[in-house]
Amino acid sequence: MSSWAIGIDLGGTNIKSAVVDEAQGVLFEESQPTDTGTGPEGVVRQLAFLASEIYQRASEQLDTGSFSGIGVGAPGAVDQLKGLLCYPPNLPGWGRYPLRDELQKRLEEAHGISATVLLENDANAAAYGEAMFGGGNSFRDFMLVTLGTGVGGGIILDRKLYRGPNGTAGEIGFTIIDFEGESVHAGVRGTIESLIGKQKIVELACGMLSDPKASPRLLELCSHIPAKISPRHLERAAMEGDPVARLAWERVGTILGVGLANVVALMDIRKFVIGGGISAAGPLIFEPALMQLHRSTLPSMHEGLEIVSARLGNTAGVCGSAALCFASGHPRRRDD
């Protein structure tokens, strides 16, 4: 009988929870807004309540003897040894907070659930989920890149999550490709995130609309108000042949390709799984990214280069958080 675990994806807007089976993936899931106004103690109460609710639901259908624990993916740096969540960017006022121990304590005292709690960075958890159940399952080594409000990443080496000695490995969004440029994010100039984060993509498209006649479909989709352009507008307009929208996505893909080339040169990783809401543009980004990836790497580095779509969507985080609880230690490939 396969193991099951609870995966939690703690975000600044929503908390997602799911029961995940080691063999089948997500069995059922729930989501509710994050009560950030109550501070860390209030969010811990919320997490414990959600975990207890979904645990009770699962225990009516599953063997509790096969329960492996609760994994939590959270934004920010994670000190795994101490179970600390450190200065999460979307949870103001947290500082260095002992999330693992406080959640474990709350579960036992308030809900009578004695369970192992594992804490992981959310992008790392998503990478592990894609390795276990998604687009990275057939790769031994790969990097997950998430394109959304920001640009995040997680690294899988030899089917194991690579965190780095301080837990911050994989932050591709903060790698620099234009150190003298005008784009600044979090006080750092020329990062990938400062160039192709969600808002920057919209600004890029708006800056290309100097001649309204050159982009009729994009303007039609945003009701002729450029400030209302969204990535979905850009995606649809590009699919319908709008030249400005297609050029904007080509630029995004090219910037991404330069960033991936740096990863190839530094770590010899040649497989990339791209997820996040912006990745819905698919080939509009992937094709120019792969072309630039070849242009920005040596011929000796070209063998095996591949960019594929993530497959788990919004469940990657809960899948990965839960999978970290399984006794196997690392996810198997389909051909293992």
C-alpha atoms as a PDB file:
ATOM      1  CA  MET A   1       0.000   0.000   0.000  1.00  0.00           C
ATOM      2  CA  SER A   2       1.426   3.387  -0.982  1.00  0.00           C
ATOM      3  CA  SER A   3       2.027   6.187   1.495  1.00  0.00           C
ATOM      4  CA  TRP A   4       0.039   9.385   1.627  1.00  0.00           C
ATOM      5  CA  ALA A   5       0.837  12.810   3.037  1.00  0.00           C
ATOM      6  CA  ILE A   6      -0.609  16.285   3.336  1.00  0.00           C
ATOM      7  CA  GLY A   7       0.979  19.012   1.229  1.00  0.00           C
ATOM      8  CA  ILE A   8       0.507  22.685   2.043  1.00  0.00           C
ATOM      9  CA  ASP A   9       1.458  25.619  -0.180  1.00  0.00           C
ATOM     10  CA  LEU A  10       1.584  28.778   1.926  1.00  0.00           C
ATOM     11  CA  GLY A  11       1.259  31.915  -0.167  1.00  0.00           C
ATOM     12  CA  GLY A  12       0.732  35.555   0.624  1.00  0.00           C
ATOM     13  CA  THR A  13      -2.707  35.418  -1.000  1.00  0.00           C
ATOM     14  CA  ASN A  14      -3.931  31.853  -0.575  1.00  0.00           C
ATOM     15  CA  ILE A  15      -3.133  28.668   1.308  1.00  0.00           C
ATOM     16  CA  LYS A  16      -3.571  25.472  -0.688  1.00  0.00           C
ATOM     17  CA  SER A  17      -3.725  22.075   0.984  1.00  0.00           C
ATOM     18  CA  ALA A  18      -4.002  18.618  -0.543  1.00  0.00           C
ATOM     19  CA  VAL A  19      -3.875  14.950   0.278  1.00  0.00           C
ATOM     20  CA  VAL A  20      -1.273  13.367  -1.982  1.00  0.00           C
ATOM     21  CA  ASP A  21      -0.795   9.660  -2.595  1.00  0.00           C
ATOM     22  CA  GLU A  22       2.740   8.512  -3.416  1.00  0.00           C
ATOM     23  CA  ALA A  23       1.532   6.510  -6.412  1.00  0.00           C
ATOM     24  CA  GLN A  24      -1.530   8.448  -7.594  1.00  0.00           C
ATOM     25  CA  GLY A  25      -0.735  12.068  -6.836  1.00  0.00           C
ATOM     26  CA  VAL A  26      -3.389  14.493  -5.594  1.00  0.00           C
ATOM     27  CA  LEU A  27      -6.493  12.788  -4.227  1.00  0.00           C
ATOM     28  CA  PHE A  28      -8.312  15.935  -3.130  1.00  0.00           C
ATOM     29  CA  GLU A  29      -7.433  19.525  -2.336  1.00  0.00           C
ATOM     30  CA  GLU A  30      -8.708  22.676  -0.673  1.00  0.00           C
ATOM     31  CA  SER A  31      -7.836  26.366  -0.710  1.00  0.00           C
ATOM     32  CA  GLN A  32      -8.655  29.489   1.266  1.00  0.00           C
ATOM     33  CA  PRO A  33      -7.340  33.063   1.554  1.00  0.00           C
ATOM     34  CA  THR A  34      -4.315  33.594   3.779  1.00  0.00           C
ATOM     35  CA  ASP A  35      -5.164  35.565   6.903  1.00  0.00           C
ATOM     36  CA  THR A  36      -1.959  37.614   6.769  1.00  0.00           C
ATOM     37  CA  GLY A  37      -3.352  40.318   9.058  1.00  0.00           C
ATOM     38  CA  THR A  38      -3.138  38.010  12.080  1.00  0.00           C
ATOM     39  CA  GLY A  39       0.633  37.669  11.852  1.00  0.00           C
ATOM     40  CA  PRO A  40       2.597  34.433  12.090  1.00  0.00           C
ATOM     41  CA  GLU A  41       0.705  33.109  15.113  1.00  0.00           C
ATOM     42  CA  GLY A  42      -2.639  33.599  13.387  1.00  0.00           C
ATOM     43  CA  VAL A  43      -1.423  31.983  10.185  1.00  0.00           C
ATOM     44  CA  VAL A  44      -0.136  29.002  12.195  1.00  0.00           C
ATOM     45  CA  ARG A  45      -3.600  28.606  13.703  1.00  0.00           C
ATOM     46  CA  GLN A  46      -5.055  28.721  10.197  1.00  0.00           C
ATOM     47  CA  LEU A  47      -2.538  26.183   8.860  1.00  0.00           C
ATOM     48  CA  ALA A  48      -3.194  23.801  11.742  1.00  0.00           C
ATOM     49  CA  PHE A  49      -6.955  24.040  11.274  1.00  0.00           C
ATOM     50  CA  LEU A  50      -6.714  23.400   7.521  1.00  0.00           C
ATOM     51  CA  ALA A  51      -4.341  20.484   8.038  1.00  0.00           C
ATOM     52  CA  SER A  52      -6.585  18.928  10.680  1.00  0.00           C
ATOM     53  CA  GLU A  53      -9.692  19.320   8.501  1.00  0.00           C
ATOM     54  CA  ILE A  54      -8.136  17.663   5.468  1.00  0.00           C
ATOM     55  CA  TYR A  55      -6.524  14.986   7.660  1.00  0.00           C
ATOM     56  CA  GLN A  56      -9.901  14.053   9.131  1.00  0.00           C
ATOM     57  CA  ARG A  57     -11.409  13.876   5.665  1.00  0.00           C
ATOM     58  CA  ALA A  58      -8.562  11.664   4.460  1.00  0.00           C
ATOM     59  CA  SER A  59      -8.676   9.381   7.506  1.00  0.00           C
ATOM     60  CA  GLU A  60     -12.230   8.369   6.578  1.00  0.00           C
ATOM     61  CA  GLN A  61     -10.966   6.950   3.281  1.00  0.00           C
ATOM     62  CA  LEU A  62      -7.310   6.054   3.783  1.00  0.00           C
ATOM     63  CA  ASP A  63      -5.223   3.923   6.131  1.00  0.00           C
ATOM     64  CA  THR A  64      -3.816   6.264   8.763  1.00  0.00           C
ATOM     65  CA  GLY A  65      -0.980   3.797   9.257  1.00  0.00           C
ATOM     66  CA  SER A  66       0.302   4.867   5.828  1.00  0.00           C
ATOM     67  CA  PHE A  67       0.288   8.561   6.720  1.00  0.00           C
ATOM     68  CA  SER A  68       3.786  10.023   6.206  1.00  0.00           C
ATOM     69  CA  GLY A  69       3.425  13.550   7.561  1.00  0.00           C
ATOM     70  CA  ILE A  70       2.776  17.135   6.558  1.00  0.00           C
ATOM     71  CA  GLY A  71       4.967  19.114   4.178  1.00  0.00           C
ATOM     72  CA  VAL A  72       4.759  22.904   3.976  1.00  0.00           C
ATOM     73  CA  GLY A  73       6.104  24.936   1.059  1.00  0.00           C
ATOM     74  CA  ALA A  74       6.565  28.589   1.972  1.00  0.00           C
ATOM     75  CA  PRO A  75       7.936  31.721   0.274  1.00  0.00           C
ATOM     76  CA  GLY A  76      11.334  32.911   1.433  1.00  0.00           C
ATOM     77  CA  ALA A  77      14.544  31.382   2.698  1.00  0.00           C
ATOM     78  CA  VAL A  78      14.139  28.250   4.784  1.00  0.00           C
ATOM     79  CA  ASP A  79      16.539  26.996   7.454  1.00  0.00           C
ATOM     80  CA  GLN A  80      15.683  23.315   7.311  1.00  0.00           C
ATOM     81  CA  LEU A  81      17.804  22.270  10.284  1.00  0.00           C
ATOM     82  CA  LYS A  82      16.022  24.700  12.604  1.00  0.00           C
ATOM     83  CA  GLY A  83      12.670  24.738  10.811  1.00  0.00           C
ATOM     84  CA  LEU A  84      12.773  28.499  10.346  1.00  0.00           C
ATOM     85  CA  LEU A  85      11.029  30.540   7.668  1.00  0.00           C
ATOM     86  CA  CYS A  86      13.196  33.617   7.165  1.00  0.00           C
ATOM     87  CA  TYR A  87      11.814  36.969   6.031  1.00  0.00           C
ATOM     88  CA  PRO A  88       9.133  35.703   3.620  1.00  0.00           C
ATOM     89  CA  PRO A  89       8.583  38.468   1.019  1.00  0.00           C
ATOM     90  CA  ASN A  90       4.808  38.095   0.887  1.00  0.00           C
ATOM     91  CA  LEU A  91       4.318  37.731   4.645  1.00  0.00           C
ATOM     92  CA  PRO A  92       5.472  41.043   6.143  1.00  0.00           C
ATOM     93  CA  GLY A  93       6.585  41.144   9.736  1.00  0.00           C
ATOM     94  CA  TRP A  94       7.567  37.506  10.106  1.00  0.00           C
ATOM     95  CA  GLY A  95      11.334  37.862  10.399  1.00  0.00           C
ATOM     96  CA  ARG A  96      12.935  34.514  11.329  1.00  0.00           C
ATOM     97  CA  TYR A  97       9.991  32.435  12.500  1.00  0.00           C
ATOM     98  CA  PRO A  98      10.042  28.809  13.787  1.00  0.00           C
ATOM     99  CA  LEU A  99       7.178  27.738  11.544  1.00  0.00           C
ATOM    100  CA  ARG A 100       7.858  23.997  11.645  1.00  0.00           C
ATOM    101  CA  ASP A 101       7.907  23.675  15.430  1.00  0.00           C
ATOM    102  CA  GLU A 102       5.031  26.080  16.025  1.00  0.00           C
ATOM    103  CA  LEU A 103       2.809  24.250  13.528  1.00  0.00           C
ATOM    104  CA  GLN A 104       3.736  20.860  14.952  1.00  0.00           C
ATOM    105  CA  LYS A 105       2.946  22.112  18.465  1.00  0.00           C
ATOM    106  CA  ARG A 106      -0.375  23.662  17.429  1.00  0.00           C
ATOM    107  CA  LEU A 107      -1.495  20.500  15.624  1.00  0.00           C
ATOM    108  CA  GLU A 108      -0.887  18.383  18.707  1.00  0.00           C
ATOM    109  CA  GLU A 109      -2.233  20.747  21.343  1.00  0.00           C
ATOM    110  CA  ALA A 110      -5.309  22.070  19.539  1.00  0.00           C
ATOM    111  CA  HIS A 111      -6.217  19.179  17.239  1.00  0.00           C
ATOM    112  CA  GLY A 112      -4.707  16.061  18.770  1.00  0.00           C
ATOM    113  CA  ILE A 113      -2.653  15.266  15.674  1.00  0.00           C
ATOM    114  CA  SER A 114       0.910  14.104  16.237  1.00  0.00           C
ATOM    115  CA  ALA A 115       2.632  14.406  12.863  1.00  0.00           C
ATOM    116  CA  THR A 116       6.048  15.097  11.427  1.00  0.00           C
ATOM    117  CA  VAL A 117       6.119  18.512   9.749  1.00  0.00           C
ATOM    118  CA  LEU A 118       8.676  19.303   7.053  1.00  0.00           C
ATOM    119  CA  LEU A 119       9.322  22.870   5.885  1.00  0.00           C
ATOM    120  CA  GLU A 120      10.604  23.748   2.409  1.00  0.00           C
ATOM    121  CA  ASN A 121      10.958  26.773   0.163  1.00  0.00           C
ATOM    122  CA  ASP A 122       7.943  26.937  -2.146  1.00  0.00           C
ATOM    123  CA  ALA A 123       9.910  26.920  -5.426  1.00  0.00           C
ATOM    124  CA  ASN A 124      11.966  23.949  -4.228  1.00  0.00           C
ATOM    125  CA  ALA A 125       8.764  22.157  -3.301  1.00  0.00           C
ATOM    126  CA  ALA A 126       7.334  22.832  -6.766  1.00  0.00           C
ATOM    127  CA  ALA A 127      10.506  21.457  -8.386  1.00  0.00           C
ATOM    128  CA  TYR A 128      10.250  18.304  -6.293  1.00  0.00           C
ATOM    129  CA  GLY A 129       6.594  17.948  -7.254  1.00  0.00           C
ATOM    130  CA  GLU A 130       7.430  18.176 -10.955  1.00  0.00           C
ATOM    131  CA  ALA A 131      10.185  15.591 -10.419  1.00  0.00           C
ATOM    132  CA  MET A 132       7.805  13.211  -8.706  1.00  0.00           C
ATOM    133  CA  PHE A 133       4.637  13.620 -10.741  1.00  0.00           C
ATOM    134  CA  GLY A 134       5.138  16.150 -13.538  1.00  0.00           C
ATOM    135  CA  GLY A 135       7.234  17.485 -16.375  1.00  0.00           C
ATOM    136  CA  GLY A 136      10.564  16.557 -14.781  1.00  0.00           C
ATOM    137  CA  ASN A 137       9.762  12.924 -14.032  1.00  0.00           C
ATOM    138  CA  SER A 138      11.848  11.570 -16.920  1.00  0.00           C
ATOM    139  CA  PHE A 139      14.906  13.740 -16.137  1.00  0.00           C
ATOM    140  CA  ARG A 140      17.670  12.848 -13.709  1.00  0.00           C
ATOM    141  CA  ASP A 141      18.854  16.469 -13.498  1.00  0.00           C
ATOM    142  CA  PHE A 142      16.815  19.567 -14.303  1.00  0.00           C
ATOM    143  CA  MET A 143      15.887  23.040 -13.203  1.00  0.00           C
ATOM    144  CA  LEU A 144      12.329  24.203 -12.668  1.00  0.00           C
ATOM    145  CA  VAL A 145      11.784  27.860 -13.577  1.00  0.00           C
ATOM    146  CA  THR A 146       8.542  29.522 -12.520  1.00  0.00           C
ATOM    147  CA  LEU A 147       7.356  32.555 -14.470  1.00  0.00           C
ATOM    148  CA  GLY A 148       4.713  34.592 -12.704  1.00  0.00           C
ATOM    149  CA  THR A 149       4.619  37.731 -10.602  1.00  0.00           C
ATOM    150  CA  GLY A 150       8.320  37.019 -10.156  1.00  0.00           C
ATOM    151  CA  VAL A 151      10.775  34.471 -11.507  1.00  0.00           C
ATOM    152  CA  GLY A 152      11.661  31.561  -9.238  1.00  0.00           C
ATOM    153  CA  GLY A 153      13.460  28.269  -9.529  1.00  0.00           C
ATOM    154  CA  GLY A 154      14.378  24.953  -7.991  1.00  0.00           C
ATOM    155  CA  ILE A 155      17.121  22.479  -8.846  1.00  0.00           C
ATOM    156  CA  ILE A 156      16.975  18.682  -9.009  1.00  0.00           C
ATOM    157  CA  LEU A 157      20.333  16.876  -9.190  1.00  0.00           C
ATOM    158  CA  ASP A 158      20.500  13.087  -9.416  1.00  0.00           C
ATOM    159  CA  ARG A 159      16.764  12.998  -8.596  1.00  0.00           C
ATOM    160  CA  LYS A 160      17.357  14.864  -5.340  1.00  0.00           C
ATOM    161  CA  LEU A 161      16.522  18.422  -4.400  1.00  0.00           C
ATOM    162  CA  TYR A 162      19.591  20.665  -4.303  1.00  0.00           C
ATOM    163  CA  ARG A 163      19.151  23.481  -1.795  1.00  0.00           C
ATOM    164  CA  GLY A 164      22.699  24.772  -1.438  1.00  0.00           C
ATOM    165  CA  PRO A 165      24.533  25.124   1.902  1.00  0.00           C
ATOM    166  CA  ASN A 166      22.309  28.033   2.982  1.00  0.00           C
ATOM    167  CA  GLY A 167      19.057  26.922   1.373  1.00  0.00           C
ATOM    168  CA  THR A 168      18.911  29.567  -1.353  1.00  0.00           C
ATOM    169  CA  ALA A 169      20.087  27.656  -4.440  1.00  0.00           C
ATOM    170  CA  GLY A 170      17.991  27.952  -7.584  1.00  0.00           C
ATOM    171  CA  GLU A 171      17.021  31.630  -7.295  1.00  0.00           C
ATOM    172  CA  ILE A 172      17.398  32.201 -11.027  1.00  0.00           C
ATOM    173  CA  GLY A 173      15.220  35.310 -10.868  1.00  0.00           C
ATOM    174  CA  PHE A 174      18.014  37.092  -9.015  1.00  0.00           C
ATOM    175  CA  THR A 175      20.762  36.229 -11.476  1.00  0.00           C
ATOM    176  CA  ILE A 176      21.999  39.319 -13.305  1.00  0.00           C
ATOM    177  CA  ILE A 177      22.148  39.679 -17.072  1.00  0.00           C
ATOM    178  CA  ASP A 178      22.141  43.487 -17.410  1.00  0.00           C
ATOM    179  CA  PHE A 179      24.156  44.957 -14.523  1.00  0.00           C
ATOM    180  CA  GLU A 180      24.128  48.452 -16.039  1.00  0.00           C
ATOM    181  CA  GLY A 181      20.481  48.394 -17.055  1.00  0.00           C
ATOM    182  CA  GLU A 182      17.651  50.515 -15.726  1.00  0.00           C
ATOM    183  CA  SER A 183      15.510  47.691 -14.328  1.00  0.00           C
ATOM    184  CA  VAL A 184      15.860  47.211 -10.575  1.00  0.00           C
ATOM    185  CA  HIS A 185      14.168  44.642  -8.360  1.00  0.00           C
ATOM    186  CA  ALA A 186      14.644  44.326  -4.594  1.00  0.00           C
ATOM    187  CA  GLY A 187      17.549  46.752  -4.864  1.00  0.00           C
ATOM    188  CA  VAL A 188      19.462  44.676  -7.421  1.00  0.00           C
ATOM    189  CA  ARG A 189      19.977  45.987 -10.954  1.00  0.00           C
ATOM    190  CA  GLY A 190      19.478  43.967 -14.126  1.00  0.00           C
ATOM    191  CA  THR A 191      18.099  40.718 -12.706  1.00  0.00           C
ATOM    192  CA  ILE A 192      15.986  38.367 -14.790  1.00  0.00           C
ATOM    193  CA  GLU A 193      13.023  39.040 -12.511  1.00  0.00           C
ATOM    194  CA  SER A 194      13.409  42.786 -13.003  1.00  0.00           C
ATOM    195  CA  LEU A 195      13.154  42.230 -16.761  1.00  0.00           C
ATOM    196  CA  ILE A 196      10.481  39.538 -17.202  1.00  0.00           C
ATOM    197  CA  GLY A 197       8.412  39.516 -14.048  1.00  0.00           C
ATOM    198  CA  LYS A 198       4.697  39.798 -14.819  1.00  0.00           C
ATOM    199  CA  GLN A 199       4.467  43.584 -14.538  1.00  0.00           C
ATOM    200  CA  LYS A 200       7.645  44.092 -16.544  1.00  0.00           C
ATOM    201  CA  ILE A 201       6.233  42.022 -19.409  1.00  0.00           C
ATOM    202  CA  VAL A 202       3.195  44.301 -19.499  1.00  0.00           C
ATOM    203  CA  GLU A 203       5.430  47.385 -19.409  1.00  0.00           C
ATOM    204  CA  LEU A 204       7.506  45.939 -22.228  1.00  0.00           C
ATOM    205  CA  ALA A 205       4.424  45.505 -24.408  1.00  0.00           C
ATOM    206  CA  CYS A 206       3.136  48.983 -23.586  1.00  0.00           C
ATOM    207  CA  GLY A 207       6.485  50.456 -24.589  1.00  0.00           C
ATOM    208  CA  MET A 208       6.159  48.822 -28.002  1.00  0.00           C
ATOM    209  CA  LEU A 209       2.777  50.414 -28.738  1.00  0.00           C
ATOM    210  CA  SER A 210       4.182  53.624 -30.233  1.00  0.00           C
ATOM    211  CA  ASP A 211       2.119  53.060 -33.390  1.00  0.00           C
ATOM    212  CA  PRO A 212      -1.435  51.919 -32.505  1.00  0.00           C
ATOM    213  CA  LYS A 213      -1.993  50.783 -36.095  1.00  0.00           C
ATOM    214  CA  ALA A 214       0.775  48.198 -35.719  1.00  0.00           C
ATOM    215  CA  SER A 215      -1.083  46.283 -33.004  1.00  0.00           C
ATOM    216  CA  PRO A 216      -4.831  46.393 -33.650  1.00  0.00           C
ATOM    217  CA  ARG A 217      -5.729  43.074 -32.013  1.00  0.00           C
ATOM    218  CA  LEU A 218      -3.839  43.715 -28.778  1.00  0.00           C
ATOM    219  CA  LEU A 219      -5.450  47.134 -28.408  1.00  0.00           C
ATOM    220  CA  GLU A 220      -8.859  45.668 -29.114  1.00  0.00           C
ATOM    221  CA  LEU A 221      -8.426  43.058 -26.370  1.00  0.00           C
ATOM    222  CA  CYS A 222      -7.517  45.696 -23.777  1.00  0.00           C
ATOM    223  CA  SER A 223     -10.352  48.020 -24.896  1.00  0.00           C
ATOM    224  CA  HIS A 224      -7.768  50.458 -26.344  1.00  0.00           C
ATOM    225  CA  ILE A 225      -6.439  51.161 -22.841  1.00  0.00           C
ATOM    226  CA  PRO A 226      -2.784  50.006 -22.805  1.00  0.00           C
ATOM    227  CA  ALA A 227      -2.667  50.205 -19.000  1.00  0.00           C
ATOM    228  CA  LYS A 228      -5.136  47.312 -18.913  1.00  0.00           C
ATOM    229  CA  ILE A 229      -2.978  44.934 -20.961  1.00  0.00           C
ATOM    230  CA  SER A 230      -2.490  41.578 -19.249  1.00  0.00           C
ATOM    231  CA  PRO A 231      -0.312  38.564 -20.115  1.00  0.00           C
ATOM    232  CA  ARG A 232      -3.482  36.769 -21.234  1.00  0.00           C
ATOM    233  CA  HIS A 233      -4.191  39.605 -23.686  1.00  0.00           C
ATOM    234  CA  LEU A 234      -0.641  39.312 -24.979  1.00  0.00           C
ATOM    235  CA  GLU A 235      -0.931  35.559 -25.319  1.00  0.00           C
ATOM    236  CA  ARG A 236      -4.221  35.670 -27.216  1.00  0.00           C
ATOM    237  CA  ALA A 237      -3.142  38.550 -29.466  1.00  0.00           C
ATOM    238  CA  ALA A 238       0.115  36.795 -30.329  1.00  0.00           C
ATOM    239  CA  MET A 239      -1.699  33.565 -31.165  1.00  0.00           C
ATOM    240  CA  GLU A 240      -3.860  35.600 -33.539  1.00  0.00           C
ATOM    241  CA  GLY A 241      -0.837  37.133 -35.241  1.00  0.00           C
ATOM    242  CA  ASP A 242      -0.563  40.514 -33.560  1.00  0.00           C
ATOM    243  CA  PRO A 243       3.003  41.679 -34.362  1.00  0.00           C
ATOM    244  CA  VAL A 244       3.644  43.678 -31.183  1.00  0.00           C
ATOM    245  CA  ALA A 245       2.427  40.857 -28.941  1.00  0.00           C
ATOM    246  CA  ARG A 246       4.584  38.333 -30.779  1.00  0.00           C
ATOM    247  CA  LEU A 247       7.605  40.630 -30.535  1.00  0.00           C
ATOM    248  CA  ALA A 248       7.036  41.096 -26.798  1.00  0.00           C
ATOM    249  CA  TRP A 249       6.983  37.339 -26.184  1.00  0.00           C
ATOM    250  CA  GLU A 250      10.072  36.902 -28.349  1.00  0.00           C
ATOM    251  CA  ARG A 251      11.878  39.391 -26.138  1.00  0.00           C
ATOM    252  CA  VAL A 252      10.736  37.598 -22.985  1.00  0.00           C
ATOM    253  CA  GLY A 253      11.913  34.259 -24.370  1.00  0.00           C
ATOM    254  CA  THR A 254      15.258  35.706 -25.403  1.00  0.00           C
ATOM    255  CA  ILE A 255      15.914  37.099 -21.914  1.00  0.00           C
ATOM    256  CA  LEU A 256      14.920  33.780 -20.377  1.00  0.00           C
ATOM    257  CA  GLY A 257      17.237  31.958 -22.767  1.00  0.00           C
ATOM    258  CA  VAL A 258      20.204  34.056 -21.626  1.00  0.00           C
ATOM    259  CA  GLY A 259      19.423  33.185 -18.021  1.00  0.00           C
ATOM    260  CA  LEU A 260      19.169  29.485 -18.796  1.00  0.00           C
ATOM    261  CA  ALA A 261      22.481  29.642 -20.676  1.00  0.00           C
ATOM    262  CA  ASN A 262      24.156  30.868 -17.495  1.00  0.00           C
ATOM    263  CA  VAL A 263      22.761  27.853 -15.646  1.00  0.00           C
ATOM    264  CA  VAL A 264      24.094  25.526 -18.350  1.00  0.00           C
ATOM    265  CA  ALA A 265      27.559  27.080 -18.185  1.00  0.00           C
ATOM    266  CA  LEU A 266      27.704  27.050 -14.389  1.00  0.00           C
ATOM    267  CA  MET A 267      26.056  23.734 -13.507  1.00  0.00           C
ATOM    268  CA  ASP A 268      25.893  21.706 -16.724  1.00  0.00           C
ATOM    269  CA  ILE A 269      22.139  21.356 -16.302  1.00  0.00           C
ATOM    270  CA  ARG A 270      20.576  20.933 -19.751  1.00  0.00           C
ATOM    271  CA  LYS A 271      16.930  20.194 -18.997  1.00  0.00           C
ATOM    272  CA  PHE A 272      14.530  22.958 -18.016  1.00  0.00           C
ATOM    273  CA  VAL A 273      10.918  22.629 -16.884  1.00  0.00           C
ATOM    274  CA  ILE A 274       9.040  25.925 -17.152  1.00  0.00           C
ATOM    275  CA  GLY A 275       5.955  26.585 -15.042  1.00  0.00           C
ATOM    276  CA  GLY A 276       4.002  29.443 -13.492  1.00  0.00           C
ATOM    277  CA  GLY A 277       1.101  31.424 -14.916  1.00  0.00           C
ATOM    278  CA  ILE A 278       3.161  33.231 -17.548  1.00  0.00           C
ATOM    279  CA  SER A 279       4.346  29.899 -18.985  1.00  0.00           C
ATOM    280  CA  ALA A 280       0.852  29.393 -20.447  1.00  0.00           C
ATOM    281  CA  ALA A 281       2.219  31.306 -23.455  1.00  0.00           C
ATOM    282  CA  GLY A 282       4.153  28.091 -24.200  1.00  0.00           C
ATOM    283  CA  PRO A 283       5.925  28.088 -27.586  1.00  0.00           C
ATOM    284  CA  LEU A 284       5.736  31.887 -27.766  1.00  0.00           C
ATOM    285  CA  ILE A 285       8.337  31.881 -24.977  1.00  0.00           C
ATOM    286  CA  PHE A 286       9.964  28.464 -25.305  1.00  0.00           C
ATOM    287  CA  GLU A 287      10.980  28.685 -28.964  1.00  0.00           C
ATOM    288  CA  PRO A 288      12.927  31.976 -28.718  1.00  0.00           C
ATOM    289  CA  ALA A 289      14.316  30.845 -25.354  1.00  0.00           C
ATOM    290  CA  LEU A 290      15.717  27.651 -26.860  1.00  0.00           C
ATOM    291  CA  MET A 291      17.164  29.558 -29.832  1.00  0.00           C
ATOM    292  CA  GLN A 292      18.884  32.013 -27.485  1.00  0.00           C
ATOM    293  CA  LEU A 293      20.028  29.160 -25.258  1.00  0.00           C
ATOM    294  CA  HIS A 294      21.909  27.694 -28.219  1.00  0.00           C
ATOM    295  CA  ARG A 295      23.315  31.093 -29.216  1.00  0.00           C
ATOM    296  CA  SER A 296      24.558  31.798 -25.687  1.00  0.00           C
ATOM    297  CA  THR A 297      26.297  28.467 -25.025  1.00  0.00           C
ATOM    298  CA  LEU A 298      29.290  26.715 -26.531  1.00  0.00           C
ATOM    299  CA  PRO A 299      28.638  24.000 -29.153  1.00  0.00           C
ATOM    300  CA  SER A 300      30.023  21.456 -26.672  1.00  0.00           C
ATOM    301  CA  MET A 301      27.121  22.346 -24.369  1.00  0.00           C
ATOM    302  CA  HIS A 302      24.318  21.888 -26.918  1.00  0.00           C
ATOM    303  CA  GLU A 303      23.764  18.164 -26.639  1.00  0.00           C
ATOM    304  CA  GLY A 304      20.634  17.378 -24.653  1.00  0.00           C
ATOM    305  CA  LEU A 305      19.357  20.942 -24.269  1.00  0.00           C
ATOM    306  CA  GLU A 306      15.609  20.823 -23.737  1.00  0.00           C
ATOM    307  CA  ILE A 307      12.834  23.107 -22.514  1.00  0.00           C
ATOM    308  CA  VAL A 308       9.488  21.537 -21.557  1.00  0.00           C
ATOM    309  CA  SER A 309       6.295  22.678 -19.878  1.00  0.00           C
ATOM    310  CA  ALA A 310       5.583  21.963 -16.247  1.00  0.00           C
ATOM    311  CA  ARG A 311       2.526  19.734 -15.955  1.00  0.00           C
ATOM    312  CA  LEU A 312       1.208  20.171 -12.433  1.00  0.00           C
ATOM    313  CA  GLY A 313       0.053  23.779 -12.608  1.00  0.00           C
ATOM    314  CA  ASN A 314      -1.080  25.116  -9.245  1.00  0.00           C
ATOM    315  CA  THR A 315      -0.695  21.713  -7.588  1.00  0.00           C
ATOM    316  CA  ALA A 316       3.104  21.530  -8.003  1.00  0.00           C
ATOM    317  CA  GLY A 317       3.736  23.057  -4.583  1.00  0.00           C
ATOM    318  CA  VAL A 318       1.394  20.805  -2.628  1.00  0.00           C
ATOM    319  CA  CYS A 319       2.596  17.740  -4.543  1.00  0.00           C
ATOM    320  CA  GLY A 320       6.224  18.491  -3.806  1.00  0.00           C
ATOM    321  CA  SER A 321       5.643  19.426  -0.171  1.00  0.00           C
ATOM    322  CA  ALA A 322       3.823  16.154   0.428  1.00  0.00           C
ATOM    323  CA  ALA A 323       6.320  14.089  -1.577  1.00  0.00           C
ATOM    324  CA  LEU A 324       9.150  15.251   0.678  1.00  0.00           C
ATOM    325  CA  CYS A 325       7.460  13.329   3.477  1.00  0.00           C
ATOM    326  CA  PHE A 326       7.602   9.986   1.699  1.00  0.00           C
ATOM    327  CA  ALA A 327      10.117   7.486   2.990  1.00  0.00           C
ATOM    328  CA  SER A 328      11.693   6.861  -0.437  1.00  0.00           C
ATOM    329  CA  GLY A 329      13.907   9.937   0.006  1.00  0.00           C
ATOM    330  CA  HIS A 330      13.852  10.937  -3.647  1.00  0.00           C
ATOM    331  CA  PRO A 331      11.403  10.538  -6.555  1.00  0.00           C
ATOM    332  CA  ARG A 332      11.824   7.713  -9.032  1.00  0.00           C
ATOM    333  CA  ARG A 333      11.890   8.230 -12.792  1.00  0.00           C
ATOM    334  CA  ARG A 334       9.465   6.284 -14.912  1.00  0.00           C
ATOM    335  CA  ASP A 335      12.341   4.337 -16.425  1.00  0.00           C
ATOM    336  CA  ASP A 336      14.012   3.490 -13.103  1.00  0.00           C
END
